[in-house]
Protein backbone atom coordinates (compact mmCIF):
# COMPACT_ATOMS: atom_id res chain seq x y z
CA MET A 1 -41.37 17.47 5.56
CA GLU A 2 -39.61 16.36 2.38
CA ARG A 3 -38.77 18.53 -0.54
CA ASP A 4 -38.34 18.17 -4.23
CA ARG A 5 -35.19 16.65 -5.82
CA GLU A 6 -33.67 20.17 -6.09
CA GLY A 7 -34.11 20.86 -2.32
CA PRO A 8 -33.32 19.06 0.93
CA ILE A 9 -33.51 15.11 1.18
CA ILE A 10 -35.36 15.67 4.32
CA SER A 11 -35.85 18.66 6.68
CA ASP A 12 -37.76 18.74 9.83
CA ARG A 13 -37.84 20.17 13.50
CA VAL A 14 -36.26 17.82 16.22
CA LEU A 15 -35.16 17.84 19.80
CA ILE A 16 -31.43 18.34 20.46
CA ASN A 17 -30.11 18.65 24.10
CA GLY A 18 -33.83 19.52 25.08
CA THR A 19 -33.94 22.46 22.41
CA ILE A 20 -36.01 21.96 19.33
CA VAL A 21 -34.11 22.96 16.19
CA PRO A 22 -34.40 22.70 12.56
CA VAL A 23 -32.32 19.89 10.93
CA THR A 24 -31.68 19.27 7.34
CA LEU A 25 -30.16 16.41 5.21
CA ASN A 26 -29.16 18.13 1.91
CA ALA A 27 -28.63 16.55 -1.30
CA ASP A 28 -25.10 17.39 -1.07
CA GLY A 29 -24.74 15.12 1.83
CA ARG A 30 -24.33 17.71 4.47
CA LEU A 31 -26.41 17.45 7.67
CA ARG A 32 -27.02 20.86 9.04
CA TRP A 33 -28.80 22.19 11.97
CA SER A 34 -28.99 25.63 13.65
CA PHE A 35 -29.51 27.27 17.03
CA GLY A 36 -30.76 30.46 18.02
CA GLY A 37 -28.68 33.50 17.28
CA GLY A 38 -28.04 32.43 13.92
CA ARG A 39 -25.42 29.55 14.90
CA GLN A 40 -25.23 26.93 12.28
CA LYS A 41 -23.40 23.62 12.42
CA SER A 42 -23.00 20.71 9.88
CA LEU A 43 -21.44 17.43 9.10
CA SER A 44 -20.40 15.67 6.03
CA VAL A 45 -22.05 12.40 6.02
CA LYS A 46 -19.56 11.19 3.47
CA LYS A 47 -16.45 11.91 5.39
CA GLU A 48 -17.65 12.44 9.06
CA VAL A 49 -20.63 10.01 9.56
CA LEU A 50 -19.84 6.39 10.40
CA GLY A 51 -23.53 5.00 10.81
CA PHE A 52 -26.57 5.65 13.23
CA THR A 53 -28.72 3.80 15.54
CA THR A 54 -32.23 4.27 16.93
CA GLU A 55 -32.60 4.37 20.77
CA GLY A 56 -36.37 4.48 21.60
CA ALA A 57 -37.44 7.65 19.92
CA LYS A 58 -33.93 9.06 19.54
CA ILE A 59 -31.38 8.56 16.72
CA ARG A 60 -27.85 8.38 17.56
CA VAL A 61 -25.66 9.37 14.66
CA ARG A 62 -22.09 8.06 15.14
CA THR A 63 -19.54 10.46 13.93
CA ILE A 64 -15.66 10.85 13.53
CA VAL A 65 -14.60 14.27 13.78
CA GLU A 66 -11.44 16.30 14.38
CA ARG A 67 -10.34 17.43 17.81
CA SER A 68 -8.66 20.92 17.79
CA ASP A 69 -6.56 22.47 20.36
CA GLY A 70 -7.83 19.76 22.95
CA LEU A 71 -11.78 20.81 22.28
CA CYS A 72 -14.09 19.07 19.99
CA CYS A 73 -17.83 20.14 18.98
CA ILE A 74 -19.54 18.25 16.46
CA GLY A 75 -20.24 20.33 13.42
CA ASP A 76 -17.71 23.01 14.06
CA GLY A 77 -15.63 21.89 11.07
CA GLN A 78 -12.43 23.49 12.32
CA GLY A 79 -10.11 20.67 11.34
CA GLY A 80 -6.58 20.37 11.84
CA GLY A 81 -6.85 17.97 14.91
CA THR A 82 -6.84 14.05 15.81
CA LEU A 83 -9.82 12.30 14.78
CA ILE A 84 -12.11 11.16 17.54
CA ARG A 85 -15.54 9.47 17.72
CA LYS A 86 -18.54 11.53 18.93
CA ASP A 87 -22.23 11.04 18.73
CA LEU A 88 -24.86 13.37 17.76
CA VAL A 89 -28.14 12.56 19.44
CA PHE A 90 -31.54 14.01 18.31
CA GLU A 91 -35.10 13.05 18.80
CA PRO A 92 -37.79 13.61 15.90
CA LEU A 93 -41.00 14.87 17.35
CA SER A 94 -43.05 11.79 15.68
CA GLU A 95 -42.85 8.33 14.91
CA GLU A 96 -43.34 9.21 11.28
CA SER A 97 -40.51 11.79 11.28
CA GLN A 98 -38.06 9.26 12.98
CA ARG A 99 -38.94 6.53 10.29
CA LEU A 100 -38.40 9.00 7.62
CA TRP A 101 -35.18 10.17 8.95
CA CYS A 102 -33.83 6.48 9.38
CA GLN A 103 -34.88 5.82 5.87
CA LYS A 104 -33.21 8.85 4.14
CA LEU A 105 -29.89 8.49 6.17
CA GLN A 106 -29.80 4.89 5.20
CA LEU A 107 -30.47 5.43 1.83
CA TYR A 108 -27.67 8.06 1.52
CA LEU A 109 -25.26 5.83 3.23
CA ASP A 110 -26.07 2.92 0.90
CA SER A 111 -25.52 5.43 -2.04
CA LEU A 112 -21.83 5.83 -0.96
CA ASN A 113 -21.15 2.11 -1.81
CA ARG A 114 -19.50 1.40 1.54
CA PRO A 115 -18.33 -2.05 2.52
CA LYS A 116 -20.87 -4.01 4.55
CA ARG A 117 -18.78 -7.22 5.23
CA LEU A 118 -14.97 -7.49 5.96
CA PHE A 119 -12.37 -10.05 6.30
CA ILE A 120 -9.80 -8.74 8.69
CA PHE A 121 -6.30 -10.16 9.17
CA VAL A 122 -4.31 -9.33 12.55
CA ASN A 123 -0.63 -9.97 12.56
CA PRO A 124 0.15 -10.13 16.29
CA PHE A 125 3.91 -10.85 15.72
CA GLY A 126 4.55 -7.44 13.67
CA GLY A 127 6.15 -4.23 15.06
CA LYS A 128 5.98 -4.13 18.83
CA LYS A 129 3.42 -6.89 18.66
CA SER A 130 0.64 -4.46 19.49
CA ALA A 131 -1.61 -5.26 16.34
CA SER A 132 -4.20 -7.05 18.40
CA LYS A 133 -4.29 -4.16 21.06
CA ILE A 134 -4.56 -1.70 17.99
CA PHE A 135 -7.57 -3.68 16.53
CA LEU A 136 -9.50 -3.69 19.79
CA ASP A 137 -8.74 -0.09 20.72
CA ASP A 138 -8.89 1.66 17.43
CA VAL A 139 -10.13 -0.55 14.58
CA LYS A 140 -13.18 -2.52 16.15
CA PRO A 141 -15.07 0.48 17.69
CA LEU A 142 -14.97 2.23 14.47
CA ILE A 143 -16.03 -0.75 12.25
CA GLU A 144 -19.11 -1.42 14.79
CA ASP A 145 -20.15 2.20 14.71
CA ALA A 146 -20.27 1.85 10.91
CA GLY A 147 -22.46 -1.40 11.27
CA ILE A 148 -20.06 -3.38 9.18
CA GLN A 149 -20.07 -7.09 9.76
CA PHE A 150 -16.53 -8.71 10.12
CA THR A 151 -14.60 -11.85 10.26
CA LEU A 152 -11.46 -11.71 12.24
CA LEU A 153 -8.45 -13.99 11.83
CA GLU A 154 -5.00 -13.69 13.70
CA THR A 155 -2.17 -15.12 11.56
CA LYS A 156 -0.20 -17.79 13.11
CA TYR A 157 2.87 -18.01 10.91
CA GLN A 158 4.45 -16.53 7.94
CA LEU A 159 2.45 -16.50 4.77
CA HIS A 160 -0.50 -17.74 6.73
CA ALA A 161 -2.62 -14.62 5.24
CA LYS A 162 -1.73 -15.84 1.76
CA GLU A 163 -2.93 -19.34 2.42
CA VAL A 164 -6.22 -18.49 3.85
CA VAL A 165 -6.98 -15.73 0.82
CA GLN A 166 -6.24 -18.50 -1.88
CA SER A 167 -9.36 -20.61 -0.55
CA LEU A 168 -11.29 -17.83 1.02
CA ASP A 169 -15.06 -17.18 -0.35
CA LEU A 170 -14.74 -13.83 -1.50
CA THR A 171 -18.19 -13.53 -2.32
CA LYS A 172 -19.04 -13.20 1.40
CA TYR A 173 -17.01 -10.09 1.73
CA ASP A 174 -16.70 -6.46 0.11
CA GLY A 175 -13.11 -6.20 1.29
CA VAL A 176 -9.81 -7.84 2.95
CA VAL A 177 -8.26 -5.90 5.46
CA CYS A 178 -4.67 -6.34 6.92
CA VAL A 179 -3.87 -4.89 10.47
CA SER A 180 -0.34 -5.30 10.15
CA GLY A 181 3.09 -3.81 8.73
CA ASP A 182 4.01 -4.03 5.28
CA GLY A 183 4.07 -7.78 4.88
CA ILE A 184 1.20 -7.34 2.52
CA LEU A 185 0.71 -11.01 1.45
CA VAL A 186 -3.04 -10.71 0.57
CA VAL A 187 -2.11 -9.77 -3.06
CA ASN A 188 -0.12 -13.03 -3.33
CA GLY A 189 -3.17 -14.93 -2.05
CA LEU A 190 -5.63 -13.26 -4.47
CA LEU A 191 -3.18 -13.76 -7.56
CA GLY A 192 -2.64 -17.53 -6.29
CA ARG A 193 -6.13 -18.49 -7.06
CA GLU A 194 -7.60 -19.97 -10.27
CA ASP A 195 -10.15 -16.99 -10.38
CA TRP A 196 -7.30 -14.64 -9.98
CA ASP A 197 -8.70 -12.24 -12.64
CA THR A 198 -11.76 -11.55 -10.78
CA ALA A 199 -10.18 -12.13 -7.08
CA ILE A 200 -7.72 -9.39 -7.58
CA LYS A 201 -10.76 -6.92 -7.92
CA MET A 202 -11.21 -7.29 -4.19
CA PRO A 203 -10.33 -4.15 -2.54
CA ILE A 204 -7.56 -4.18 0.25
CA GLY A 205 -7.48 -2.18 3.27
CA VAL A 206 -4.05 -1.44 5.15
CA VAL A 207 -4.17 -0.49 8.94
CA PRO A 208 -0.53 0.49 10.22
CA ALA A 209 0.36 -1.85 13.15
CA GLY A 210 3.89 -2.77 12.13
CA THR A 211 7.44 -1.28 12.05
CA GLY A 212 7.41 0.01 8.60
CA ASN A 213 3.85 0.90 7.34
CA GLY A 214 4.92 2.21 4.15
CA MET A 215 1.90 1.34 2.18
CA ALA A 216 -0.56 2.86 4.84
CA LYS A 217 1.60 5.88 5.08
CA SER A 218 1.70 6.41 1.60
CA LEU A 219 -2.06 6.30 1.40
CA LEU A 220 -2.63 8.57 3.84
CA ASP A 221 -0.06 11.17 3.36
CA SER A 222 -1.41 11.49 -0.37
CA VAL A 223 -4.10 13.48 1.01
CA GLY A 224 -2.34 15.15 3.86
CA GLU A 225 -3.60 12.84 6.64
CA PRO A 226 -1.30 11.50 9.49
CA CYS A 227 -0.37 7.69 9.50
CA SER A 228 -2.90 6.24 12.27
CA ALA A 229 -4.89 3.19 12.61
CA VAL A 230 -7.65 5.39 13.10
CA ASN A 231 -7.35 7.34 9.83
CA ALA A 232 -6.87 4.23 8.10
CA THR A 233 -9.72 2.55 9.29
CA VAL A 234 -11.96 5.64 8.29
CA ALA A 235 -10.62 5.42 4.96
CA ILE A 236 -11.58 1.79 4.66
CA ILE A 237 -15.13 2.48 6.23
CA GLN A 238 -15.78 5.21 3.72
CA GLY A 239 -14.98 2.85 0.83
CA HIS A 240 -13.25 4.89 -1.35
CA LYS A 241 -10.77 3.15 -3.76
CA ARG A 242 -7.85 3.46 -6.09
CA SER A 243 -5.91 1.13 -8.44
CA LEU A 244 -2.31 0.09 -7.40
CA ASP A 245 0.42 -1.26 -9.70
CA VAL A 246 1.45 -4.84 -8.71
CA ALA A 247 4.88 -6.16 -9.50
CA THR A 248 5.41 -9.94 -10.58
CA ILE A 249 8.65 -11.22 -9.21
CA LEU A 250 9.69 -14.48 -10.98
CA GLN A 251 12.54 -16.82 -10.83
CA GLY A 252 12.13 -19.88 -12.96
CA GLN A 253 8.63 -20.83 -12.05
CA THR A 254 8.40 -19.56 -8.65
CA ARG A 255 6.62 -16.09 -8.40
CA PHE A 256 5.99 -13.72 -5.72
CA PHE A 257 4.05 -10.51 -6.04
CA SER A 258 5.04 -7.09 -4.56
CA VAL A 259 3.10 -3.87 -4.08
CA LEU A 260 5.59 -1.73 -2.01
CA MET A 261 9.41 -2.07 -2.70
CA LEU A 262 12.38 -4.28 -3.51
CA ALA A 263 15.77 -3.45 -1.69
CA TRP A 264 19.39 -5.00 -2.17
CA GLY A 265 22.31 -3.61 -0.16
CA LEU A 266 22.24 -1.27 2.57
CA VAL A 267 18.57 -0.67 2.82
CA ALA A 268 17.68 -4.54 2.76
CA ASP A 269 20.47 -5.01 5.28
CA ILE A 270 18.95 -2.64 7.91
CA ASP A 271 15.57 -3.82 7.34
CA ILE A 272 15.95 -7.43 7.79
CA GLU A 273 19.09 -7.58 9.98
CA SER A 274 17.56 -5.06 12.38
CA GLU A 275 15.13 -7.90 13.38
CA LYS A 276 17.17 -8.91 16.26
CA TYR A 277 16.37 -5.47 17.90
CA ARG A 278 12.63 -5.88 17.20
CA TRP A 279 11.69 -5.45 20.87
CA MET A 280 12.80 -1.69 20.30
CA GLY A 281 9.92 -1.30 17.75
CA SER A 282 10.45 1.19 15.07
CA ALA A 283 13.61 2.62 16.75
CA ARG A 284 15.40 -0.39 15.85
CA ILE A 285 15.69 0.78 12.16
CA ASP A 286 17.57 4.27 13.13
CA PHE A 287 19.87 2.28 15.77
CA TYR A 288 20.99 -0.45 13.24
CA ALA A 289 21.28 2.06 10.46
CA ILE A 290 24.06 3.83 12.22
CA GLN A 291 25.62 0.54 12.89
CA ARG A 292 25.58 -0.46 9.33
CA ILE A 293 26.97 2.92 8.12
CA VAL A 294 29.84 2.74 10.42
CA HIS A 295 30.75 -0.63 9.24
CA LEU A 296 29.60 0.01 5.63
CA ARG A 297 29.31 -2.82 3.09
CA LYS A 298 29.46 -2.48 -0.62
CA TYR A 299 28.17 -5.27 -2.93
CA ASN A 300 29.69 -5.78 -6.50
CA GLY A 301 27.09 -6.19 -9.40
CA ARG A 302 25.73 -4.42 -12.22
CA VAL A 303 22.41 -2.74 -12.99
CA SER A 304 21.27 -2.47 -16.48
CA PHE A 305 18.06 -0.79 -17.77
CA VAL A 306 16.10 0.92 -20.41
CA PRO A 307 15.24 4.21 -19.07
CA ALA A 308 11.80 6.04 -19.17
CA PRO A 309 11.60 9.36 -21.18
CA GLY A 310 13.58 11.92 -19.54
CA PHE A 311 16.32 9.60 -17.97
CA GLU A 312 18.17 8.61 -20.88
CA THR A 313 21.35 10.20 -19.93
CA PHE A 314 21.59 8.00 -16.76
CA GLY A 315 24.38 5.24 -16.84
CA GLU A 316 26.44 4.31 -19.83
CA PRO A 317 25.28 2.90 -23.27
CA ILE A 318 25.51 -0.86 -23.77
CA ASN A 319 24.46 -2.84 -26.96
CA SER A 320 22.69 -5.69 -24.78
CA ILE A 321 22.73 -6.97 -21.39
CA GLY A 322 24.51 -10.35 -22.22
CA GLY A 323 25.38 -13.17 -19.79
CA SER A 324 25.99 -16.56 -19.91
CA SER A 325 22.92 -18.11 -18.62
CA GLY A 326 20.70 -16.83 -21.71
CA THR A 327 17.20 -15.94 -21.69
CA PRO A 328 15.29 -16.63 -18.61
CA ASP A 329 12.98 -19.65 -18.18
CA VAL A 330 9.96 -17.66 -19.04
CA PRO A 331 7.62 -18.72 -21.81
CA ASN A 332 6.93 -15.45 -23.92
CA THR A 333 3.14 -16.13 -24.65
CA ASP A 334 0.26 -17.65 -23.00
CA GLU A 335 0.30 -20.55 -25.44
CA GLU A 336 4.02 -21.35 -24.61
CA ARG A 337 3.32 -21.51 -20.99
CA PRO A 338 3.25 -25.05 -19.53
CA ALA A 339 -0.49 -26.13 -18.88
CA LYS A 340 0.25 -27.33 -15.45
CA LEU A 341 1.20 -23.64 -14.32
CA GLU A 342 -2.21 -22.23 -15.28
CA GLN A 343 -3.48 -24.22 -12.02
CA HIS A 344 -1.31 -21.71 -9.90
CA GLY A 345 -3.10 -18.43 -10.58
CA TYR A 346 -1.62 -15.42 -12.17
CA LEU A 347 1.64 -15.95 -14.16
CA GLY A 348 2.57 -12.44 -14.80
CA PRO A 349 2.56 -10.57 -18.12
CA ALA A 350 4.14 -12.09 -21.26
CA THR A 351 7.04 -10.40 -22.83
CA ASP A 352 8.24 -9.85 -26.57
CA SER A 353 11.83 -10.32 -27.82
CA GLU A 354 13.12 -7.22 -28.89
CA ILE A 355 14.40 -4.26 -27.23
CA SER A 356 17.09 -1.52 -27.71
CA GLY A 357 18.47 1.53 -25.53
CA TRP A 358 19.91 -0.29 -22.86
CA ARG A 359 22.30 1.48 -20.38
CA ALA A 360 24.17 0.18 -17.42
CA ILE A 361 25.50 1.09 -14.14
CA GLU A 362 28.47 -0.81 -12.92
CA GLY A 363 29.03 -1.54 -8.95
CA PRO A 364 29.87 -1.78 -6.43
CA PHE A 365 26.90 -0.57 -4.79
CA VAL A 366 25.84 0.65 -1.50
CA SER A 367 22.14 0.33 -2.15
CA ILE A 368 19.69 -0.45 -4.79
CA TRP A 369 16.14 0.41 -3.88
CA LEU A 370 13.00 0.06 -6.01
CA HIS A 371 9.68 1.66 -5.19
CA ASN A 372 6.04 1.46 -6.07
CA VAL A 373 4.90 4.05 -3.56
CA PRO A 374 6.55 7.06 -2.29
CA TRP A 375 7.06 5.97 1.42
CA GLY A 376 9.10 2.88 2.63
CA GLY A 377 8.21 3.41 6.18
CA GLU A 378 6.43 6.37 8.42
CA ASP A 379 9.89 8.24 8.70
CA ALA A 380 11.26 7.27 5.24
CA MET A 381 10.29 8.74 1.84
CA PRO A 382 12.68 6.97 -0.65
CA ALA A 383 10.57 7.87 -3.90
CA PRO A 384 9.05 11.13 -3.60
CA ASP A 385 7.88 11.25 -7.20
CA ALA A 386 6.38 7.66 -7.10
CA LYS A 387 2.60 7.11 -8.25
CA PHE A 388 0.46 4.27 -7.27
CA SER A 389 -0.96 3.29 -10.85
CA ASP A 390 1.36 4.83 -13.29
CA GLY A 391 2.88 1.80 -14.51
CA TYR A 392 6.25 2.90 -13.38
CA LEU A 393 8.58 2.05 -10.65
CA ASP A 394 11.12 4.27 -9.19
CA LEU A 395 14.70 3.37 -9.00
CA ILE A 396 17.23 4.77 -6.27
CA VAL A 397 20.82 3.91 -6.60
CA VAL A 398 23.60 4.87 -4.21
CA ARG A 399 26.99 3.61 -5.86
CA ASP A 400 29.48 5.24 -3.70
CA CYS A 401 29.08 7.69 -0.82
CA PRO A 402 31.59 8.81 2.16
CA LYS A 403 30.23 7.72 5.42
CA VAL A 404 29.26 11.38 6.91
CA ALA A 405 27.44 12.05 3.77
CA LEU A 406 25.71 8.93 3.89
CA LEU A 407 24.55 9.84 7.51
CA GLN A 408 23.07 13.11 6.17
CA LEU A 409 21.43 11.22 3.21
CA MET A 410 19.76 9.01 5.65
CA THR A 411 18.55 11.85 7.62
CA ASP A 412 17.08 13.58 4.66
CA LEU A 413 15.41 10.40 3.72
CA SER A 414 12.70 11.42 6.05
CA LYS A 415 11.29 14.04 3.78
CA GLY A 416 12.62 12.60 0.36
CA GLY A 417 15.61 15.17 0.33
CA HIS A 418 18.10 12.44 -0.42
CA VAL A 419 17.27 12.41 -4.05
CA LYS A 420 19.13 15.84 -4.30
CA SER A 421 22.38 14.55 -2.96
CA PRO A 422 25.07 14.03 -5.74
CA HIS A 423 25.64 10.49 -4.38
CA VAL A 424 22.18 9.45 -5.29
CA MET A 425 20.87 8.46 -8.86
CA TYR A 426 16.96 8.67 -8.73
CA LEU A 427 15.06 7.77 -12.07
CA LYS A 428 12.09 6.01 -13.20
CA VAL A 429 12.09 2.93 -15.52
CA SER A 430 9.24 2.02 -17.86
CA SER A 431 7.68 3.15 -20.91
CA PRO A 432 6.20 1.90 -24.04
CA SER A 433 8.50 -0.64 -25.82
CA SER A 434 9.11 -4.42 -25.95
CA VAL A 435 11.73 -6.46 -24.04
CA ALA A 436 13.72 -9.56 -23.74
CA ILE A 437 15.42 -10.40 -20.61
CA ASN A 438 18.69 -12.25 -20.20
CA THR A 439 20.38 -12.19 -16.78
CA ALA A 440 17.72 -10.04 -15.37
CA LEU A 441 16.52 -9.17 -11.94
CA LEU A 442 13.70 -6.65 -12.91
CA HIS A 443 11.81 -5.58 -16.07
CA PHE A 444 8.76 -3.09 -16.13
CA LEU A 445 5.50 -3.40 -18.04
CA ARG A 446 2.48 -1.12 -18.63
CA PRO A 447 -0.54 -1.60 -20.65
CA ASN A 448 -0.29 -0.27 -24.06
CA GLU A 449 -3.24 -1.28 -26.26
CA GLU A 450 -6.21 -3.89 -26.52
CA LEU A 451 -5.73 -6.66 -29.13
CA ASP A 452 -8.24 -9.26 -29.79
CA GLY A 453 -10.26 -8.42 -26.75
CA HIS A 454 -6.88 -9.09 -24.59
CA ARG A 455 -4.77 -6.28 -22.88
CA ALA A 456 -1.15 -6.13 -24.69
CA TYR A 457 1.84 -5.10 -22.69
CA ARG A 458 5.08 -3.45 -24.00
CA VAL A 459 7.85 -3.72 -21.61
CA LYS A 460 10.84 -1.71 -20.44
CA ALA A 461 13.64 -3.25 -18.56
CA PHE A 462 15.82 -2.99 -15.46
CA VAL A 463 18.29 -5.57 -14.67
CA LEU A 464 20.13 -6.26 -11.59
CA GLU A 465 23.01 -9.03 -11.26
CA PRO A 466 23.47 -9.01 -7.38
CA GLY A 467 27.10 -10.14 -6.45
CA THR A 468 29.34 -10.62 -3.30
CA CYS A 469 30.49 -8.14 -0.59
CA MET A 470 33.39 -6.09 -1.86
CA GLU A 471 34.94 -6.12 1.67
CA ASP A 472 34.52 -10.12 2.01
CA PRO A 473 33.75 -11.99 -1.31
CA THR A 474 32.79 -15.07 0.60
CA LYS A 475 29.59 -13.18 1.88
CA GLU A 476 26.61 -11.95 -0.43
CA GLY A 477 23.69 -10.03 0.36
CA ILE A 478 19.81 -9.99 1.17
CA ILE A 479 16.91 -9.15 -1.20
CA ASP A 480 14.03 -7.80 0.63
CA VAL A 481 10.59 -7.37 -0.92
CA ASP A 482 7.69 -5.61 1.11
CA GLY A 483 9.53 -6.35 4.33
CA GLU A 484 10.06 -10.21 3.59
CA VAL A 485 13.33 -11.81 2.68
CA LEU A 486 12.92 -13.06 -0.64
CA ALA A 487 16.51 -14.30 -1.08
CA ARG A 488 19.54 -14.61 1.40
CA GLY A 489 23.13 -15.06 -0.06
CA ARG A 490 25.86 -16.79 1.67
CA GLY A 491 27.02 -15.60 5.00
CA THR A 492 24.13 -13.23 5.49
CA TYR A 493 21.55 -12.94 8.54
CA LYS A 494 19.92 -16.29 9.15
CA CYS A 495 21.30 -17.41 5.78
CA ASP A 496 20.67 -20.95 6.89
CA GLN A 497 16.73 -20.23 6.71
CA LYS A 498 14.77 -21.39 3.68
CA THR A 499 13.89 -18.55 1.26
CA LEU A 500 11.37 -18.45 -1.48
CA MET A 501 13.98 -17.69 -4.09
CA THR A 502 17.69 -18.06 -4.33
CA TYR A 503 20.32 -15.19 -4.40
CA ASP A 504 20.38 -15.01 -8.21
CA LYS A 505 18.67 -13.77 -11.27
CA LEU A 506 15.20 -12.37 -10.59
CA GLN A 507 12.72 -10.96 -12.94
CA ILE A 508 9.89 -8.26 -12.33
CA ALA A 509 7.29 -7.04 -14.55
CA VAL A 510 4.61 -4.36 -13.62
CA ASP A 511 0.79 -4.61 -14.32
CA ARG A 512 -0.46 -1.09 -14.08
CA GLY A 513 -3.48 -0.88 -11.59
CA LEU A 514 -4.01 -4.47 -11.19
CA ALA A 515 -4.98 -4.35 -7.65
CA THR A 516 -7.50 -2.18 -5.86
CA VAL A 517 -6.89 -0.62 -2.31
CA PHE A 518 -9.09 1.41 -0.08
CA CYS A 519 -7.83 4.98 0.51
CA PRO A 520 -8.70 8.38 2.01
CA ILE A 521 -11.15 10.69 0.50
CA THR A 522 -9.31 13.57 -0.95
């Protein structure tokens, strides 16, 4: 019944649909069976098998397979369709055979290092407020098929997930899952813990259930899969992981961690101000984008940066970034940081004090957009060259653009074609160097070498000095981070509401590959 290590893991004759057929689980993880006439079928346990159960003498294998042209037949392997749940039921011809099949199947599944316990957040307020239904209809059945235990929590208010994660007993779980849009606050909770350095290793799963879904889209599109709750959940079940850059946004001693994007200008205005049309779902973005383009705003300001190799011709050379406020309130070394701050989790990477090669772009600006991953939403790919863990962030600048061209530009955004527009500057910022920031919004960092057992970082910089609206100097703008309002200036939408930071100098440093996310198998 069993072969040596070079052959099948287990092979036997079993009963399928009243017919005795040979079935084999091979060392390559394929479950194969054949019928008369030479017809053969197979399943990849790694990609298509969720789990299995026993029912009397039968074994029920829970699978997730592709439906093609409205039809689905387990083991056909035709692909190209929507994923659906389907069961393969077979009956070994003896109790001993059933025992061995269950043992070998479980051993192989265990070897895949899949999660066995998950903590799941559901945000019932995001998008069309359909996250709870998506969890019940799409996520929960798959999780149960895989035999994964889970703890479910519906968030009640903004930053609720962050608060829970900061005190969660992570030893009980193999991952934290967010069924929500792009308000990915779990990273902030993990890095806000005293044990942040081990907590941040906890894998994070993202199931699209909001308006934007940029992170889920980026992860699934990277392997050519559609952005759906089912595909995202399957990726989590399969347990495949990849590292993800994390940006530390700092103002004084206030910190916020970002994994998706930062926007200022047109994009931020559309994302945040369109909330008044949230009942429209994702259509609110396109609807409000037209309004904002027709009544276009431009913002005064300046961006200064040290370009990555290959982008040295962007902007005009400057000697320094200057500014009246001096260097930011950020200690340069761990020893200089106030001891009381050490209690509040990760402080972000330290910086050195010299840098050269600055260049600048003067406003006014239509939009400044900074991206960690390619997609900002399911229909918007602002940064087609962005990578998940390369230590670089992609900068998209629109300084001036006629309204008709801007409409075309926003249309081209769905496939990343906007970066070819003469009205768009698209560059990467970061490479090995050292940096000191004065009036900074952003500076970038990547690991460079090991010193005395600690990671040493060298930093390149990008600076934004956000200003007033050119058409009305009494009004300022909005800074949007991962779909959350980080800062609101004077006269903006809901400007009376308190925000985490003020509409002023900010700094961002990027840790290469600091976080871990569940992602699809290639």
